[in-house]
């Protein structure tokens, strides 16, 4: 399989490991989840909303404040954390769907 342009397999492996770690954290916190699809959509949408909030905070900061590189990096890291949670919830939904075929 060809490696996607601009994406190293090391970066992808790191990201996938972070998603897997988040899935484990979620299961440890909530137990194995079983929900109807509409409920899963609500959970996923809430997580996407958290990404949107972080992006809005970043946009506001860029527009209204002088942005220290450390603040920028911290906000970007929060966005990444939220995106990992979005991906983990999507995986949990797929897992639930597979279990209930």
PDB file of N, CA and C in Angstrom:
ATOM      1  N   UNK A   1       0.844  -1.167   0.000  1.00  0.00           N
ATOM      2  CA  UNK A   1       0.000   0.000   0.000  1.00  0.00           C
ATOM      3  C   UNK A   1       0.892   1.233   0.000  1.00  0.00           C
ATOM      4  N   UNK A   2       0.509   2.215  -0.802  1.00  0.00           N
ATOM      5  CA  UNK A   2       1.289   3.443  -0.886  1.00  0.00           C
ATOM      6  C   UNK A   2       0.998   4.343   0.304  1.00  0.00           C
ATOM      7  N   UNK A   3       2.018   5.037   0.745  1.00  0.00           N
ATOM      8  CA  UNK A   3       1.859   5.998   1.835  1.00  0.00           C
ATOM      9  C   UNK A   3       1.219   7.266   1.279  1.00  0.00           C
ATOM     10  N   UNK A   4       0.181   7.790   1.961  1.00  0.00           N
ATOM     11  CA  UNK A   4      -0.448   9.023   1.480  1.00  0.00           C
ATOM     12  C   UNK A   4       0.558  10.168   1.419  1.00  0.00           C
ATOM     13  N   UNK A   5       0.402  11.025   0.442  1.00  0.00           N
ATOM     14  CA  UNK A   5       1.288  12.171   0.294  1.00  0.00           C
ATOM     15  C   UNK A   5       1.153  13.066   1.527  1.00  0.00           C
ATOM     16  N   UNK A   6       2.286  13.405   2.123  1.00  0.00           N
ATOM     17  CA  UNK A   6       2.287  14.331   3.239  1.00  0.00           C
ATOM     18  C   UNK A   6       1.992  13.709   4.594  1.00  0.00           C
ATOM     19  N   UNK A   7       1.732  12.410   4.647  1.00  0.00           N
ATOM     20  CA  UNK A   7       1.436  11.763   5.922  1.00  0.00           C
ATOM     21  C   UNK A   7       2.429  10.627   6.121  1.00  0.00           C
ATOM     22  N   UNK A   8       3.202  10.716   7.179  1.00  0.00           N
ATOM     23  CA  UNK A   8       4.140   9.633   7.441  1.00  0.00           C
ATOM     24  C   UNK A   8       3.425   8.534   8.220  1.00  0.00           C
ATOM     25  N   UNK A   9       3.877   7.320   8.002  1.00  0.00           N
ATOM     26  CA  UNK A   9       3.269   6.215   8.741  1.00  0.00           C
ATOM     27  C   UNK A   9       3.537   6.351  10.235  1.00  0.00           C
ATOM     28  N   UNK A  10       4.637   7.004  10.607  1.00  0.00           N
ATOM     29  CA  UNK A  10       4.919   7.220  12.026  1.00  0.00           C
ATOM     30  C   UNK A  10       3.888   8.154  12.649  1.00  0.00           C
ATOM     31  N   UNK A  11       3.562   9.231  11.954  1.00  0.00           N
ATOM     32  CA  UNK A  11       2.559  10.171  12.461  1.00  0.00           C
ATOM     33  C   UNK A  11       1.211   9.478  12.550  1.00  0.00           C
ATOM     34  N   UNK A  12       0.852   8.757  11.495  1.00  0.00           N
ATOM     35  CA  UNK A  12      -0.431   8.069  11.489  1.00  0.00           C
ATOM     36  C   UNK A  12      -0.504   7.034  12.605  1.00  0.00           C
ATOM     37  N   UNK A  13       0.555   6.284  12.817  1.00  0.00           N
ATOM     38  CA  UNK A  13       0.575   5.283  13.888  1.00  0.00           C
ATOM     39  C   UNK A  13       0.423   5.948  15.251  1.00  0.00           C
ATOM     40  N   UNK A  14       1.074   7.101  15.443  1.00  0.00           N
ATOM     41  CA  UNK A  14       0.960   7.830  16.708  1.00  0.00           C
ATOM     42  C   UNK A  14      -0.483   8.285  16.934  1.00  0.00           C
ATOM     43  N   UNK A  15      -1.095   8.826  15.904  1.00  0.00           N
ATOM     44  CA  UNK A  15      -2.482   9.304  16.018  1.00  0.00           C
ATOM     45  C   UNK A  15      -3.421   8.137  16.308  1.00  0.00           C
ATOM     46  N   UNK A  16      -3.274   7.052  15.582  1.00  0.00           N
ATOM     47  CA  UNK A  16      -4.142   5.888  15.802  1.00  0.00           C
ATOM     48  C   UNK A  16      -3.960   5.322  17.206  1.00  0.00           C
ATOM     49  N   UNK A  17      -2.734   5.375  17.729  1.00  0.00           N
ATOM     50  CA  UNK A  17      -2.496   4.924  19.102  1.00  0.00           C
ATOM     51  C   UNK A  17      -3.199   5.841  20.091  1.00  0.00           C
ATOM     52  N   UNK A  18      -3.176   7.153  19.828  1.00  0.00           N
ATOM     53  CA  UNK A  18      -3.867   8.099  20.709  1.00  0.00           C
ATOM     54  C   UNK A  18      -5.373   7.853  20.692  1.00  0.00           C
ATOM     55  N   UNK A  19      -5.918   7.531  19.532  1.00  0.00           N
ATOM     56  CA  UNK A  19      -7.348   7.205  19.436  1.00  0.00           C
ATOM     57  C   UNK A  19      -7.637   5.929  20.216  1.00  0.00           C
ATOM     58  N   UNK A  20      -6.789   4.931  20.071  1.00  0.00           N
ATOM     59  CA  UNK A  20      -6.957   3.677  20.804  1.00  0.00           C
ATOM     60  C   UNK A  20      -6.874   3.912  22.312  1.00  0.00           C
ATOM     61  N   UNK A  21      -5.930   4.734  22.736  1.00  0.00           N
ATOM     62  CA  UNK A  21      -5.806   5.064  24.165  1.00  0.00           C
ATOM     63  C   UNK A  21      -7.062   5.770  24.671  1.00  0.00           C
ATOM     64  N   UNK A  22      -7.613   6.664  23.855  1.00  0.00           N
ATOM     65  CA  UNK A  22      -8.832   7.378  24.236  1.00  0.00           C
ATOM     66  C   UNK A  22     -10.018   6.415  24.315  1.00  0.00           C
ATOM     67  N   UNK A  23     -10.077   5.445  23.408  1.00  0.00           N
ATOM     68  CA  UNK A  23     -11.144   4.435  23.465  1.00  0.00           C
ATOM     69  C   UNK A  23     -11.074   3.669  24.776  1.00  0.00           C
ATOM     70  N   UNK A  24      -9.878   3.285  25.166  1.00  0.00           N
ATOM     71  CA  UNK A  24      -9.683   2.570  26.425  1.00  0.00           C
ATOM     72  C   UNK A  24     -10.101   3.455  27.606  1.00  0.00           C
ATOM     73  N   UNK A  25      -9.718   4.727  27.571  1.00  0.00           N
ATOM     74  CA  UNK A  25     -10.097   5.658  28.631  1.00  0.00           C
ATOM     75  C   UNK A  25     -11.613   5.771  28.714  1.00  0.00           C
ATOM     76  N   UNK A  26     -12.274   5.869  27.569  1.00  0.00           N
ATOM     77  CA  UNK A  26     -13.731   5.971  27.550  1.00  0.00           C
ATOM     78  C   UNK A  26     -14.384   4.710  28.125  1.00  0.00           C
ATOM     79  N   UNK A  27     -13.887   3.546  27.724  1.00  0.00           N
ATOM     80  CA  UNK A  27     -14.452   2.301  28.256  1.00  0.00           C
ATOM     81  C   UNK A  27     -14.231   2.191  29.756  1.00  0.00           C
ATOM     82  N   UNK A  28     -13.061   2.615  30.216  1.00  0.00           N
ATOM     83  CA  UNK A  28     -12.796   2.583  31.658  1.00  0.00           C
ATOM     84  C   UNK A  28     -13.717   3.532  32.415  1.00  0.00           C
ATOM     85  N   UNK A  29     -14.040   4.660  31.800  1.00  0.00           N
ATOM     86  CA  UNK A  29     -14.899   5.648  32.447  1.00  0.00           C
ATOM     87  C   UNK A  29     -16.372   5.261  32.382  1.00  0.00           C
ATOM     88  N   UNK A  30     -16.849   4.812  31.231  1.00  0.00           N
ATOM     89  CA  UNK A  30     -18.270   4.608  30.994  1.00  0.00           C
ATOM     90  C   UNK A  30     -18.683   3.148  30.873  1.00  0.00           C
ATOM     91  N   UNK A  31     -17.697   2.242  30.758  1.00  0.00           N
ATOM     92  CA  UNK A  31     -18.033   0.861  30.441  1.00  0.00           C
ATOM     93  C   UNK A  31     -18.324   0.743  28.946  1.00  0.00           C
ATOM     94  N   UNK A  32     -18.536  -0.470  28.501  1.00  0.00           N
ATOM     95  CA  UNK A  32     -18.857  -0.676  27.090  1.00  0.00           C
ATOM     96  C   UNK A  32     -20.221  -0.054  26.830  1.00  0.00           C
ATOM     97  N   UNK A  33     -20.298   0.786  25.830  1.00  0.00           N
ATOM     98  CA  UNK A  33     -21.513   1.525  25.535  1.00  0.00           C
ATOM     99  C   UNK A  33     -22.337   0.846  24.448  1.00  0.00           C
ATOM    100  N   UNK A  34     -23.627   0.822  24.658  1.00  0.00           N
ATOM    101  CA  UNK A  34     -24.575   0.294  23.686  1.00  0.00           C
ATOM    102  C   UNK A  34     -25.708   1.297  23.574  1.00  0.00           C
ATOM    103  N   UNK A  35     -25.839   1.921  22.397  1.00  0.00           N
ATOM    104  CA  UNK A  35     -26.848   2.951  22.206  1.00  0.00           C
ATOM    105  C   UNK A  35     -27.481   2.812  20.829  1.00  0.00           C
ATOM    106  N   UNK A  36     -28.703   3.308  20.674  1.00  0.00           N
ATOM    107  CA  UNK A  36     -29.271   3.425  19.331  1.00  0.00           C
ATOM    108  C   UNK A  36     -28.458   4.461  18.527  1.00  0.00           C
ATOM    109  N   UNK A  37     -28.519   4.354  17.217  1.00  0.00           N
ATOM    110  CA  UNK A  37     -27.736   5.254  16.361  1.00  0.00           C
ATOM    111  C   UNK A  37     -28.021   6.726  16.632  1.00  0.00           C
ATOM    112  N   UNK A  38     -29.258   7.074  16.884  1.00  0.00           N
ATOM    113  CA  UNK A  38     -29.594   8.473  17.127  1.00  0.00           C
ATOM    114  C   UNK A  38     -28.870   9.006  18.364  1.00  0.00           C
ATOM    115  N   UNK A  39     -28.731   8.170  19.397  1.00  0.00           N
ATOM    116  CA  UNK A  39     -28.016   8.574  20.600  1.00  0.00           C
ATOM    117  C   UNK A  39     -26.530   8.731  20.294  1.00  0.00           C
ATOM    118  N   UNK A  40     -25.979   7.788  19.506  1.00  0.00           N
ATOM    119  CA  UNK A  40     -24.577   7.896  19.113  1.00  0.00           C
ATOM    120  C   UNK A  40     -24.334   9.197  18.354  1.00  0.00           C
ATOM    121  N   UNK A  41     -25.275   9.546  17.475  1.00  0.00           N
ATOM    122  CA  UNK A  41     -25.130  10.792  16.724  1.00  0.00           C
ATOM    123  C   UNK A  41     -25.093  11.991  17.668  1.00  0.00           C
ATOM    124  N   UNK A  42     -25.918  11.978  18.687  1.00  0.00           N
ATOM    125  CA  UNK A  42     -25.920  13.070  19.663  1.00  0.00           C
ATOM    126  C   UNK A  42     -24.577  13.153  20.390  1.00  0.00           C
ATOM    127  N   UNK A  43     -24.043  12.013  20.795  1.00  0.00           N
ATOM    128  CA  UNK A  43     -22.741  11.987  21.485  1.00  0.00           C
ATOM    129  C   UNK A  43     -21.650  12.519  20.564  1.00  0.00           C
ATOM    130  N   UNK A  44     -21.643  12.041  19.326  1.00  0.00           N
ATOM    131  CA  UNK A  44     -20.625  12.473  18.364  1.00  0.00           C
ATOM    132  C   UNK A  44     -20.757  13.968  18.064  1.00  0.00           C
ATOM    133  N   UNK A  45     -21.981  14.433  17.921  1.00  0.00           N
ATOM    134  CA  UNK A  45     -22.215  15.854  17.642  1.00  0.00           C
ATOM    135  C   UNK A  45     -21.739  16.721  18.794  1.00  0.00           C
ATOM    136  N   UNK A  46     -21.944  16.268  20.017  1.00  0.00           N
ATOM    137  CA  UNK A  46     -21.459  17.009  21.187  1.00  0.00           C
ATOM    138  C   UNK A  46     -19.942  17.119  21.139  1.00  0.00           C
ATOM    139  N   UNK A  47     -19.283  16.043  20.774  1.00  0.00           N
ATOM    140  CA  UNK A  47     -17.817  16.075  20.682  1.00  0.00           C
ATOM    141  C   UNK A  47     -17.359  17.014  19.565  1.00  0.00           C
ATOM    142  N   UNK A  48     -18.029  16.980  18.419  1.00  0.00           N
ATOM    143  CA  UNK A  48     -17.694  17.891  17.320  1.00  0.00           C
ATOM    144  C   UNK A  48     -17.921  19.338  17.762  1.00  0.00           C
ATOM    145  N   UNK A  49     -18.966  19.561  18.556  1.00  0.00           N
ATOM    146  CA  UNK A  49     -19.220  20.896  19.092  1.00  0.00           C
ATOM    147  C   UNK A  49     -18.076  21.397  19.954  1.00  0.00           C
ATOM    148  N   UNK A  50     -17.429  20.508  20.673  1.00  0.00           N
ATOM    149  CA  UNK A  50     -16.282  20.912  21.485  1.00  0.00           C
ATOM    150  C   UNK A  50     -15.109  21.334  20.607  1.00  0.00           C
ATOM    151  N   UNK A  51     -14.939  20.664  19.461  1.00  0.00           N
ATOM    152  CA  UNK A  51     -13.907  21.084  18.507  1.00  0.00           C
ATOM    153  C   UNK A  51     -14.240  22.485  17.998  1.00  0.00           C
ATOM    154  N   UNK A  52     -15.507  22.697  17.637  1.00  0.00           N
ATOM    155  CA  UNK A  52     -15.936  24.000  17.132  1.00  0.00           C
ATOM    156  C   UNK A  52     -15.697  25.095  18.163  1.00  0.00           C
ATOM    157  N   UNK A  53     -15.975  24.811  19.429  1.00  0.00           N
ATOM    158  CA  UNK A  53     -15.760  25.806  20.483  1.00  0.00           C
ATOM    159  C   UNK A  53     -14.279  26.183  20.582  1.00  0.00           C
ATOM    160  N   UNK A  54     -13.425  25.186  20.539  1.00  0.00           N
ATOM    161  CA  UNK A  54     -11.987  25.471  20.617  1.00  0.00           C
ATOM    162  C   UNK A  54     -11.531  26.301  19.418  1.00  0.00           C
ATOM    163  N   UNK A  55     -12.058  25.997  18.235  1.00  0.00           N
ATOM    164  CA  UNK A  55     -11.698  26.773  17.047  1.00  0.00           C
ATOM    165  C   UNK A  55     -12.209  28.207  17.153  1.00  0.00           C
ATOM    166  N   UNK A  56     -13.412  28.384  17.671  1.00  0.00           N
ATOM    167  CA  UNK A  56     -13.947  29.735  17.886  1.00  0.00           C
ATOM    168  C   UNK A  56     -13.093  30.500  18.883  1.00  0.00           C
ATOM    169  N   UNK A  57     -12.678  29.831  19.944  1.00  0.00           N
ATOM    170  CA  UNK A  57     -11.801  30.476  20.929  1.00  0.00           C
ATOM    171  C   UNK A  57     -10.489  30.902  20.279  1.00  0.00           C
ATOM    172  N   UNK A  58      -9.942  30.048  19.423  1.00  0.00           N
ATOM    173  CA  UNK A  58      -8.701  30.372  18.732  1.00  0.00           C
ATOM    174  C   UNK A  58      -8.914  31.559  17.799  1.00  0.00           C
ATOM    175  N   UNK A  59      -9.996  31.550  17.031  1.00  0.00           N
ATOM    176  CA  UNK A  59     -10.274  32.648  16.103  1.00  0.00           C
ATOM    177  C   UNK A  59     -10.439  33.960  16.859  1.00  0.00           C
ATOM    178  N   UNK A  60     -11.161  33.916  17.977  1.00  0.00           N
ATOM    179  CA  UNK A  60     -11.361  35.124  18.781  1.00  0.00           C
ATOM    180  C   UNK A  60     -10.013  35.638  19.292  1.00  0.00           C
ATOM    181  N   UNK A  61      -9.212  34.725  19.794  1.00  0.00           N
ATOM    182  CA  UNK A  61      -7.910  35.118  20.333  1.00  0.00           C
ATOM    183  C   UNK A  61      -7.048  35.729  19.236  1.00  0.00           C
ATOM    184  N   UNK A  62      -7.044  35.123  18.054  1.00  0.00           N
ATOM    185  CA  UNK A  62      -6.245  35.656  16.949  1.00  0.00           C
ATOM    186  C   UNK A  62      -6.709  37.055  16.550  1.00  0.00           C
ATOM    187  N   UNK A  63      -8.009  37.280  16.617  1.00  0.00           N
ATOM    188  CA  UNK A  63      -8.574  38.551  16.167  1.00  0.00           C
ATOM    189  C   UNK A  63      -8.456  39.664  17.215  1.00  0.00           C
ATOM    190  N   UNK A  64      -8.550  39.306  18.490  1.00  0.00           N
ATOM    191  CA  UNK A  64      -8.674  40.338  19.522  1.00  0.00           C
ATOM    192  C   UNK A  64      -7.498  40.452  20.486  1.00  0.00           C
ATOM    193  N   UNK A  65      -6.581  39.549  20.420  1.00  0.00           N
ATOM    194  CA  UNK A  65      -5.482  39.598  21.383  1.00  0.00           C
ATOM    195  C   UNK A  65      -4.179  39.313  20.657  1.00  0.00           C
ATOM    196  N   UNK A  66      -3.117  39.799  21.237  1.00  0.00           N
ATOM    197  CA  UNK A  66      -1.826  39.383  20.703  1.00  0.00           C
ATOM    198  C   UNK A  66      -1.633  37.938  21.167  1.00  0.00           C
ATOM    199  N   UNK A  67      -1.228  37.126  20.252  1.00  0.00           N
ATOM    200  CA  UNK A  67      -1.191  35.692  20.535  1.00  0.00           C
ATOM    201  C   UNK A  67       0.226  35.231  20.808  1.00  0.00           C
ATOM    202  N   UNK A  68       0.448  34.862  22.032  1.00  0.00           N
ATOM    203  CA  UNK A  68       1.712  34.257  22.434  1.00  0.00           C
ATOM    204  C   UNK A  68       1.776  32.861  21.823  1.00  0.00           C
ATOM    205  N   UNK A  69       2.923  32.473  21.333  1.00  0.00           N
ATOM    206  CA  UNK A  69       3.077  31.162  20.680  1.00  0.00           C
ATOM    207  C   UNK A  69       2.699  30.018  21.625  1.00  0.00           C
ATOM    208  N   UNK A  70       2.923  30.200  22.917  1.00  0.00           N
ATOM    209  CA  UNK A  70       2.587  29.150  23.876  1.00  0.00           C
ATOM    210  C   UNK A  70       1.065  29.002  24.008  1.00  0.00           C
ATOM    211  N   UNK A  71       0.355  30.132  23.958  1.00  0.00           N
ATOM    212  CA  UNK A  71      -1.110  30.073  23.996  1.00  0.00           C
ATOM    213  C   UNK A  71      -1.623  29.391  22.738  1.00  0.00           C
ATOM    214  N   UNK A  72      -1.062  29.778  21.577  1.00  0.00           N
ATOM    215  CA  UNK A  72      -1.457  29.168  20.316  1.00  0.00           C
ATOM    216  C   UNK A  72      -1.239  27.653  20.363  1.00  0.00           C
ATOM    217  N   UNK A  73      -0.076  27.242  20.806  1.00  0.00           N
ATOM    218  CA  UNK A  73       0.228  25.810  20.898  1.00  0.00           C
ATOM    219  C   UNK A  73      -0.720  25.096  21.856  1.00  0.00           C
ATOM    220  N   UNK A  74      -1.058  25.735  22.966  1.00  0.00           N
ATOM    221  CA  UNK A  74      -1.967  25.129  23.950  1.00  0.00           C
ATOM    222  C   UNK A  74      -3.357  24.951  23.350  1.00  0.00           C
ATOM    223  N   UNK A  75      -3.831  25.972  22.622  1.00  0.00           N
ATOM    224  CA  UNK A  75      -5.149  25.867  21.993  1.00  0.00           C
ATOM    225  C   UNK A  75      -5.136  24.788  20.922  1.00  0.00           C
ATOM    226  N   UNK A  76      -4.091  24.760  20.116  1.00  0.00           N
ATOM    227  CA  UNK A  76      -3.986  23.717  19.073  1.00  0.00           C
ATOM    228  C   UNK A  76      -3.965  22.321  19.706  1.00  0.00           C
ATOM    229  N   UNK A  77      -3.307  22.198  20.832  1.00  0.00           N
ATOM    230  CA  UNK A  77      -3.263  20.904  21.524  1.00  0.00           C
ATOM    231  C   UNK A  77      -4.651  20.529  22.042  1.00  0.00           C
ATOM    232  N   UNK A  78      -5.425  21.498  22.525  1.00  0.00           N
ATOM    233  CA  UNK A  78      -6.795  21.231  22.974  1.00  0.00           C
ATOM    234  C   UNK A  78      -7.663  20.795  21.795  1.00  0.00           C
ATOM    235  N   UNK A  79      -7.473  21.432  20.643  1.00  0.00           N
ATOM    236  CA  UNK A  79      -8.218  21.046  19.440  1.00  0.00           C
ATOM    237  C   UNK A  79      -7.878  19.608  19.067  1.00  0.00           C
ATOM    238  N   UNK A  80      -6.600  19.274  19.101  1.00  0.00           N
ATOM    239  CA  UNK A  80      -6.186  17.904  18.782  1.00  0.00           C
ATOM    240  C   UNK A  80      -6.826  16.908  19.750  1.00  0.00           C
ATOM    241  N   UNK A  81      -6.815  17.242  21.031  1.00  0.00           N
ATOM    242  CA  UNK A  81      -7.415  16.354  22.039  1.00  0.00           C
ATOM    243  C   UNK A  81      -8.893  16.125  21.738  1.00  0.00           C
ATOM    244  N   UNK A  82      -9.601  17.198  21.382  1.00  0.00           N
ATOM    245  CA  UNK A  82     -11.027  17.062  21.055  1.00  0.00           C
ATOM    246  C   UNK A  82     -11.230  16.232  19.794  1.00  0.00           C
ATOM    247  N   UNK A  83     -10.364  16.410  18.796  1.00  0.00           N
ATOM    248  CA  UNK A  83     -10.474  15.615  17.569  1.00  0.00           C
ATOM    249  C   UNK A  83     -10.225  14.129  17.844  1.00  0.00           C
ATOM    250  N   UNK A  84      -9.292  13.841  18.737  1.00  0.00           N
ATOM    251  CA  UNK A  84      -9.043  12.450  19.140  1.00  0.00           C
ATOM    252  C   UNK A  84     -10.307  11.880  19.782  1.00  0.00           C
ATOM    253  N   UNK A  85     -10.988  12.679  20.608  1.00  0.00           N
ATOM    254  CA  UNK A  85     -12.230  12.216  21.228  1.00  0.00           C
ATOM    255  C   UNK A  85     -13.321  11.990  20.191  1.00  0.00           C
ATOM    256  N   UNK A  86     -13.400  12.865  19.181  1.00  0.00           N
ATOM    257  CA  UNK A  86     -14.362  12.672  18.090  1.00  0.00           C
ATOM    258  C   UNK A  86     -14.104  11.331  17.405  1.00  0.00           C
ATOM    259  N   UNK A  87     -12.851  11.086  17.072  1.00  0.00           N
ATOM    260  CA  UNK A  87     -12.497   9.842  16.390  1.00  0.00           C
ATOM    261  C   UNK A  87     -12.796   8.630  17.268  1.00  0.00           C
ATOM    262  N   UNK A  88     -12.504   8.729  18.557  1.00  0.00           N
ATOM    263  CA  UNK A  88     -12.745   7.612  19.470  1.00  0.00           C
ATOM    264  C   UNK A  88     -14.229   7.322  19.616  1.00  0.00           C
ATOM    265  N   UNK A  89     -15.057   8.356  19.658  1.00  0.00           N
ATOM    266  CA  UNK A  89     -16.505   8.141  19.737  1.00  0.00           C
ATOM    267  C   UNK A  89     -16.995   7.489  18.449  1.00  0.00           C
ATOM    268  N   UNK A  90     -16.474   7.926  17.310  1.00  0.00           N
ATOM    269  CA  UNK A  90     -16.859   7.298  16.047  1.00  0.00           C
ATOM    270  C   UNK A  90     -16.483   5.819  16.048  1.00  0.00           C
ATOM    271  N   UNK A  91     -15.318   5.490  16.561  1.00  0.00           N
ATOM    272  CA  UNK A  91     -14.898   4.085  16.655  1.00  0.00           C
ATOM    273  C   UNK A  91     -15.818   3.316  17.594  1.00  0.00           C
ATOM    274  N   UNK A  92     -16.165   3.919  18.724  1.00  0.00           N
ATOM    275  CA  UNK A  92     -17.064   3.252  19.673  1.00  0.00           C
ATOM    276  C   UNK A  92     -18.418   2.962  19.022  1.00  0.00           C
ATOM    277  N   UNK A  93     -18.914   3.897  18.240  1.00  0.00           N
ATOM    278  CA  UNK A  93     -20.186   3.719  17.533  1.00  0.00           C
ATOM    279  C   UNK A  93     -20.081   2.554  16.552  1.00  0.00           C
ATOM    280  N   UNK A  94     -18.978   2.501  15.807  1.00  0.00           N
ATOM    281  CA  UNK A  94     -18.766   1.399  14.866  1.00  0.00           C
ATOM    282  C   UNK A  94     -18.663   0.077  15.616  1.00  0.00           C
ATOM    283  N   UNK A  95     -17.947   0.066  16.734  1.00  0.00           N
ATOM    284  CA  UNK A  95     -17.831  -1.155  17.544  1.00  0.00           C
ATOM    285  C   UNK A  95     -19.210  -1.633  17.992  1.00  0.00           C
ATOM    286  N   UNK A  96     -20.034  -0.706  18.478  1.00  0.00           N
ATOM    287  CA  UNK A  96     -21.370  -1.041  18.935  1.00  0.00           C
ATOM    288  C   UNK A  96     -22.187  -1.618  17.779  1.00  0.00           C
ATOM    289  N   UNK A  97     -22.086  -1.000  16.635  1.00  0.00           N
ATOM    290  CA  UNK A  97     -22.796  -1.476  15.450  1.00  0.00           C
ATOM    291  C   UNK A  97     -22.354  -2.890  15.068  1.00  0.00           C
ATOM    292  N   UNK A  98     -21.055  -3.131  15.127  1.00  0.00           N
ATOM    293  CA  UNK A  98     -20.527  -4.470  14.796  1.00  0.00           C
ATOM    294  C   UNK A  98     -20.986  -5.528  15.796  1.00  0.00           C
ATOM    295  N   UNK A  99     -21.014  -5.164  17.076  1.00  0.00           N
ATOM    296  CA  UNK A  99     -21.454  -6.113  18.097  1.00  0.00           C
ATOM    297  C   UNK A  99     -22.927  -6.487  17.920  1.00  0.00           C
ATOM    298  N   UNK A 100     -23.705  -5.581  17.384  1.00  0.00           N
ATOM    299  CA  UNK A 100     -25.150  -5.774  17.315  1.00  0.00           C
ATOM    300  C   UNK A 100     -25.659  -6.081  15.911  1.00  0.00           C
ATOM    301  N   UNK A 101     -24.827  -6.652  15.073  1.00  0.00           N
ATOM    302  CA  UNK A 101     -25.269  -7.023  13.718  1.00  0.00           C
ATOM    303  C   UNK A 101     -26.360  -8.056  13.782  1.00  0.00           C
TER     304      UNK A 101
END
